[in-house]
C-alpha atoms as a PDB file:
ATOM      1  CA  MET A   1      72.253 -10.419 -61.442  1.00  0.00           C
ATOM      2  CA  SER A   2      72.009  -6.793 -60.716  1.00  0.00           C
ATOM      3  CA  LYS A   3      72.218  -5.423 -57.180  1.00  0.00           C
ATOM      4  CA  ARG A   4      68.642  -4.026 -57.442  1.00  0.00           C
ATOM      5  CA  ARG A   5      67.223  -7.427 -58.410  1.00  0.00           C
ATOM      6  CA  LEU A   6      69.143  -9.097 -55.621  1.00  0.00           C
ATOM      7  CA  LEU A   7      67.819  -6.625 -53.062  1.00  0.00           C
ATOM      8  CA  ARG A   8      64.239  -6.975 -54.381  1.00  0.00           C
ATOM      9  CA  LYS A   9      64.463 -10.723 -54.146  1.00  0.00           C
ATOM     10  CA  LEU A  10      65.868 -10.574 -50.623  1.00  0.00           C
ATOM     11  CA  ARG A  11      63.151  -8.122 -49.603  1.00  0.00           C
ATOM     12  CA  ASP A  12      60.416 -10.379 -51.044  1.00  0.00           C
ATOM     13  CA  ARG A  13      61.818 -13.423 -49.304  1.00  0.00           C
ATOM     14  CA  THR A  14      62.068 -11.511 -46.010  1.00  0.00           C
ATOM     15  CA  ILE A  15      58.500 -10.347 -46.257  1.00  0.00           C
ATOM     16  CA  GLY A  16      57.386 -13.904 -47.013  1.00  0.00           C
ATOM     17  CA  ALA A  17      59.338 -15.302 -44.070  1.00  0.00           C
ATOM     18  CA  LEU A  18      57.931 -12.648 -41.702  1.00  0.00           C
ATOM     19  CA  GLY A  19      54.384 -13.387 -42.917  1.00  0.00           C
ATOM     20  CA  ALA A  20      54.863 -17.122 -42.410  1.00  0.00           C
ATOM     21  CA  GLY A  21      56.321 -16.547 -38.978  1.00  0.00           C
ATOM     22  CA  ALA A  22      53.445 -14.312 -37.980  1.00  0.00           C
ATOM     23  CA  LEU A  23      50.973 -16.966 -39.165  1.00  0.00           C
ATOM     24  CA  LEU A  24      52.787 -19.675 -37.168  1.00  0.00           C
ATOM     25  CA  PHE A  25      52.924 -17.396 -34.120  1.00  0.00           C
ATOM     26  CA  GLN A  26      49.128 -16.867 -34.305  1.00  0.00           C
ATOM     27  CA  LEU A  27      48.350 -20.539 -34.731  1.00  0.00           C
ATOM     28  CA  GLY A  28      51.231 -21.942 -32.696  1.00  0.00           C
ATOM     29  CA  GLY A  29      49.241 -22.738 -29.484  1.00  0.00           C
ATOM     30  CA  CYS A  30      46.265 -24.160 -31.307  1.00  0.00           C
ATOM     31  CA  GLU A  31      45.639 -27.900 -31.443  1.00  0.00           C
ATOM     32  CA  PHE A  32      43.516 -28.486 -34.498  1.00  0.00           C
ATOM     33  CA  GLY A  33      42.326 -31.820 -33.199  1.00  0.00           C
ATOM     34  CA  ASP A  34      40.716 -30.149 -30.202  1.00  0.00           C
ATOM     35  CA  ILE A  35      38.470 -27.839 -32.228  1.00  0.00           C
ATOM     36  CA  THR A  36      35.048 -29.387 -32.484  1.00  0.00           C
ATOM     37  CA  THR A  37      32.702 -26.428 -32.878  1.00  0.00           C
ATOM     38  CA  THR A  38      31.824 -24.955 -36.265  1.00  0.00           C
ATOM     39  CA  THR A  39      30.730 -21.458 -37.019  1.00  0.00           C
ATOM     40  CA  THR A  40      28.743 -20.491 -40.063  1.00  0.00           C
ATOM     41  CA  LEU A  41      28.865 -16.929 -41.290  1.00  0.00           C
ATOM     42  CA  ASP A  42      25.990 -15.306 -43.121  1.00  0.00           C
ATOM     43  CA  GLY A  43      27.234 -13.234 -46.046  1.00  0.00           C
ATOM     44  CA  ARG A  44      25.011 -10.276 -45.125  1.00  0.00           C
ATOM     45  CA  GLU A  45      26.200 -10.247 -41.526  1.00  0.00           C
ATOM     46  CA  LEU A  46      29.793 -10.445 -42.634  1.00  0.00           C
ATOM     47  CA  VAL A  47      29.448  -7.494 -45.069  1.00  0.00           C
ATOM     48  CA  ILE A  48      27.577  -5.456 -42.458  1.00  0.00           C
ATOM     49  CA  SER A  49      30.202  -6.039 -39.815  1.00  0.00           C
ATOM     50  CA  LEU A  50      33.014  -5.227 -42.236  1.00  0.00           C
ATOM     51  CA  ILE A  51      31.351  -1.936 -43.222  1.00  0.00           C
ATOM     52  CA  GLN A  52      30.658  -1.043 -39.610  1.00  0.00           C
ATOM     53  CA  GLY A  53      34.200  -1.813 -38.543  1.00  0.00           C
ATOM     54  CA  ALA A  54      35.936  -0.102 -41.451  1.00  0.00           C
ATOM     55  CA  ILE A  55      33.734   2.929 -42.090  1.00  0.00           C
ATOM     56  CA  LEU A  56      31.036   3.605 -39.529  1.00  0.00           C
ATOM     57  CA  ASN A  57      32.904   3.100 -36.276  1.00  0.00           C
ATOM     58  CA  PRO A  58      35.834   5.368 -37.243  1.00  0.00           C
ATOM     59  CA  ILE A  59      33.373   8.068 -38.404  1.00  0.00           C
ATOM     60  CA  ASP A  60      31.431   7.750 -35.129  1.00  0.00           C
ATOM     61  CA  ALA A  61      34.656   8.008 -33.122  1.00  0.00           C
ATOM     62  CA  PHE A  62      35.764  11.064 -35.126  1.00  0.00           C
ATOM     63  CA  ILE A  63      32.448  12.805 -34.581  1.00  0.00           C
ATOM     64  CA  THR A  64      32.407  11.996 -30.854  1.00  0.00           C
ATOM     65  CA  ASP A  65      35.967  13.267 -30.419  1.00  0.00           C
ATOM     66  CA  SER A  66      35.331  16.402 -32.412  1.00  0.00           C
ATOM     67  CA  VAL A  67      32.225  17.295 -30.331  1.00  0.00           C
ATOM     68  CA  ASN A  68      34.051  16.581 -27.085  1.00  0.00           C
ATOM     69  CA  ASN A  69      36.992  18.713 -28.119  1.00  0.00           C
ATOM     70  CA  ALA A  70      34.734  21.502 -29.158  1.00  0.00           C
ATOM     71  CA  PHE A  71      33.087  21.706 -25.759  1.00  0.00           C
ATOM     72  CA  GLY A  72      36.364  21.380 -23.873  1.00  0.00           C
ATOM     73  CA  PRO A  73      37.198  19.148 -20.917  1.00  0.00           C
ATOM     74  CA  GLU A  74      34.302  17.678 -18.986  1.00  0.00           C
ATOM     75  CA  ASP A  75      33.975  18.743 -15.359  1.00  0.00           C
ATOM     76  CA  VAL A  76      33.136  15.778 -13.162  1.00  0.00           C
END
């Protein structure tokens, strides 16, 4: 086995182990038997919230920061 294949295999296994560890860390304190509530997601609401979070909110923050920087520091 070549050194490059060995390193790629080691890297892939390390990434998998880190991902599994992160998942266990997130769910570690959760007792699945204690969860009794259910939440249903409407597809439209999900898409809208994803678009707002990924596109609209960063654009809004950029515009706000640009305008604030253009006018200089605010005197309070």
